[in-house]
Amino acid sequence: LVEAELSIHPYLLGIWLGDGSSSTPRITESVFDVDGLRDRLISFGYDVAKPSENHHGAANMTVYGMMQKFRELNLLHNKHIPAQYLRAGIEQRKMLLRGLMDSDGTINKKTRQCSFTTTIPALSEGFLELTRSLGIKAAALEKSEGEVMKVSNGATYIRSLAWQISFSC
């Protein structure tokens, strides 16, 4: 597939799909990673607000001037990977994958097993299509809701229905 004219940089779209507000072009990121992410987005030519720390150990930052582009792609309150991004050039699709993995992905360093987790069915389907379009064999596992989960800081939460897509590169 050939490089496409995309209105939102694929990396920004990937980051926003994973860690963005569904109603605005605002991204929430760990306080440890937010400055690096902001610098990266600025290097792509975006005007990005200085991060403001919230009470959960994360920081919010808005990408200015993008609301109309998100509307035009029907992304607001409808997170999904638009078709033109799934049919874009290989480097554009790789950048989208990088953004998605940088937001909601993990890797096991010993096994080199990668995984991406989402609670949005359309995003899980799009992620599977994206990886497969890059020649990556991926498998999805549905995680049932209701299980009590513990996070690294000791807090617990009740898991929502989610999809975990796993693959190796």
Protein backbone atom coordinates (compact mmCIF):
# COMPACT_ATOMS: atom_id res chain seq x y z
CA LEU A 1 0.00 0.00 0.00
CA VAL A 2 1.20 3.51 -0.78
CA GLU A 3 1.71 6.37 1.65
CA ALA A 4 -1.58 8.17 2.30
CA GLU A 5 -2.52 11.77 2.97
CA LEU A 6 -3.59 11.55 6.63
CA SER A 7 -5.04 14.47 8.57
CA ILE A 8 -3.71 13.25 11.94
CA HIS A 9 -0.21 11.85 12.31
CA PRO A 10 -0.52 8.07 12.82
CA TYR A 11 1.55 8.11 16.02
CA LEU A 12 -0.65 10.82 17.54
CA LEU A 13 -3.75 8.87 16.56
CA GLY A 14 -2.36 5.72 18.18
CA ILE A 15 -1.45 7.49 21.42
CA TRP A 16 -4.84 9.20 21.54
CA LEU A 17 -6.75 5.97 20.85
CA GLY A 18 -5.02 4.39 23.84
CA ASP A 19 -4.62 7.26 26.29
CA GLY A 20 -6.81 10.05 24.96
CA SER A 21 -10.04 11.58 26.13
CA SER A 22 -12.86 10.32 23.93
CA SER A 23 -14.36 13.82 23.76
CA THR A 24 -11.31 16.02 23.04
CA PRO A 25 -7.77 15.84 21.61
CA ARG A 26 -6.37 15.54 25.16
CA ILE A 27 -3.96 12.79 26.21
CA THR A 28 -3.28 11.46 29.70
CA GLU A 29 0.20 10.08 30.25
CA SER A 30 2.39 9.00 33.14
CA VAL A 31 4.26 11.94 34.71
CA PHE A 32 7.46 10.03 33.92
CA ASP A 33 6.72 9.84 30.18
CA VAL A 34 4.74 12.99 29.46
CA ASP A 35 7.66 15.31 28.65
CA GLY A 36 9.13 12.85 26.14
CA LEU A 37 5.73 12.36 24.52
CA ARG A 38 5.15 16.12 24.35
CA ASP A 39 8.58 16.62 22.72
CA ARG A 40 7.80 13.88 20.18
CA LEU A 41 4.44 15.44 19.24
CA ILE A 42 6.05 18.88 18.92
CA SER A 43 8.68 17.33 16.60
CA PHE A 44 5.77 16.21 14.38
CA GLY A 45 4.67 19.86 14.14
CA TYR A 46 1.87 19.90 16.74
CA ASP A 47 1.12 22.68 19.19
CA VAL A 48 0.89 20.85 22.52
CA ALA A 49 -0.08 22.36 25.87
CA LYS A 50 2.26 22.09 28.82
CA PRO A 51 1.19 19.04 30.84
CA SER A 52 -0.86 19.53 33.98
CA GLU A 53 -0.52 16.86 36.64
CA ASN A 54 -3.69 15.25 37.95
CA HIS A 55 -4.20 13.55 41.32
CA HIS A 56 -3.59 10.02 39.94
CA GLY A 57 0.13 10.43 39.19
CA ALA A 58 -0.55 11.21 35.57
CA ALA A 59 -0.52 14.37 33.48
CA ASN A 60 -2.98 15.71 30.91
CA MET A 61 -2.02 17.66 27.81
CA THR A 62 -4.08 19.00 24.94
CA VAL A 63 -3.02 18.98 21.30
CA TYR A 64 -4.30 22.34 20.03
CA GLY A 65 -6.09 22.84 16.73
CA MET A 66 -7.13 19.22 16.27
CA MET A 67 -10.79 19.12 17.32
CA GLN A 68 -12.14 19.51 13.77
CA LYS A 69 -9.84 16.78 12.42
CA PHE A 70 -11.04 14.39 15.12
CA ARG A 71 -14.65 15.30 14.24
CA GLU A 72 -14.07 14.77 10.52
CA LEU A 73 -12.76 11.25 11.19
CA ASN A 74 -15.76 10.52 13.45
CA LEU A 75 -13.41 9.73 16.35
CA LEU A 76 -15.01 11.71 19.16
CA HIS A 77 -16.96 9.36 21.45
CA ASN A 78 -16.21 6.67 18.83
CA LYS A 79 -12.65 5.40 19.23
CA HIS A 80 -11.67 3.22 16.28
CA ILE A 81 -8.97 3.04 13.62
CA PRO A 82 -10.30 4.78 10.51
CA ALA A 83 -10.10 2.75 7.29
CA GLN A 84 -7.66 5.16 5.62
CA TYR A 85 -5.13 4.45 8.41
CA LEU A 86 -5.51 0.70 7.94
CA ARG A 87 -4.83 1.17 4.21
CA ALA A 88 -1.98 3.69 4.57
CA GLY A 89 1.66 3.03 3.71
CA ILE A 90 3.69 0.55 5.72
CA GLU A 91 5.67 3.20 7.64
CA GLN A 92 2.44 5.03 8.51
CA ARG A 93 0.88 1.80 9.79
CA LYS A 94 4.03 1.08 11.82
CA MET A 95 3.82 4.56 13.39
CA LEU A 96 0.18 3.91 14.29
CA LEU A 97 1.19 0.60 15.89
CA ARG A 98 3.96 2.37 17.84
CA GLY A 99 1.50 4.92 19.20
CA LEU A 100 -0.98 2.22 20.22
CA MET A 101 1.73 0.15 21.90
CA ASP A 102 3.24 3.19 23.65
CA SER A 103 -0.18 3.93 25.13
CA ASP A 104 -1.77 0.56 25.99
CA GLY A 105 0.84 -2.01 25.06
CA THR A 106 3.29 -4.12 27.03
CA ILE A 107 6.17 -6.45 26.22
CA ASN A 108 7.60 -9.35 28.14
CA LYS A 109 11.36 -8.92 27.76
CA LYS A 110 12.10 -12.61 28.33
CA THR A 111 9.62 -14.06 25.85
CA ARG A 112 9.44 -11.01 23.53
CA GLN A 113 5.65 -11.44 23.70
CA CYS A 114 3.82 -8.16 23.03
CA SER A 115 0.25 -7.41 24.05
CA PHE A 116 -2.24 -4.61 23.61
CA THR A 117 -5.34 -4.38 25.79
CA THR A 118 -8.52 -2.40 25.18
CA THR A 119 -12.10 -2.33 26.41
CA ILE A 120 -13.35 -1.04 23.05
CA PRO A 121 -14.50 -3.80 20.64
CA ALA A 122 -13.98 -1.71 17.48
CA LEU A 123 -10.45 -0.82 18.59
CA SER A 124 -9.58 -4.48 19.24
CA GLU A 125 -10.83 -5.39 15.75
CA GLY A 126 -8.89 -2.54 14.17
CA PHE A 127 -5.74 -3.46 16.08
CA LEU A 128 -5.97 -7.05 14.85
CA GLU A 129 -6.39 -5.87 11.26
CA LEU A 130 -3.49 -3.42 11.65
CA THR A 131 -1.06 -6.04 12.96
CA ARG A 132 -2.10 -8.59 10.38
CA SER A 133 -1.71 -6.02 7.59
CA LEU A 134 1.91 -5.69 8.73
CA GLY A 135 2.45 -9.45 8.48
CA ILE A 136 2.29 -9.95 12.25
CA LYS A 137 0.43 -13.01 13.50
CA ALA A 138 -1.78 -11.82 16.36
CA ALA A 139 -4.38 -13.50 18.53
CA ALA A 140 -7.12 -11.94 20.67
CA LEU A 141 -8.23 -13.14 24.07
CA GLU A 142 -11.44 -11.86 25.62
CA LYS A 143 -10.99 -11.05 29.31
CA SER A 144 -14.21 -11.38 31.27
CA GLU A 145 -15.47 -8.60 33.47
CA GLY A 146 -15.89 -8.70 37.22
CA GLU A 147 -12.49 -10.08 38.23
CA VAL A 148 -10.76 -8.10 40.98
CA MET A 149 -7.42 -6.85 39.69
CA LYS A 150 -4.45 -5.40 41.57
CA VAL A 151 -2.15 -2.75 40.11
CA SER A 152 1.50 -2.11 40.95
CA ASN A 153 0.73 0.58 43.54
CA GLY A 154 -1.42 -1.89 45.49
CA ALA A 155 -4.79 -0.43 44.48
CA THR A 156 -7.52 -2.78 43.30
CA TYR A 157 -10.25 -2.42 40.70
CA ILE A 158 -12.93 -4.54 39.09
CA ARG A 159 -11.97 -5.43 35.52
CA SER A 160 -14.25 -4.41 32.66
CA LEU A 161 -14.78 -6.64 29.65
CA ALA A 162 -11.56 -6.29 27.66
CA TRP A 163 -9.65 -7.74 24.74
CA GLN A 164 -5.97 -8.56 24.95
CA ILE A 165 -4.24 -8.96 21.61
CA SER A 166 -0.92 -10.79 21.76
CA PHE A 167 1.82 -11.11 19.16
CA SER A 168 5.57 -11.56 18.77
CA CYS A 169 7.93 -9.74 16.45
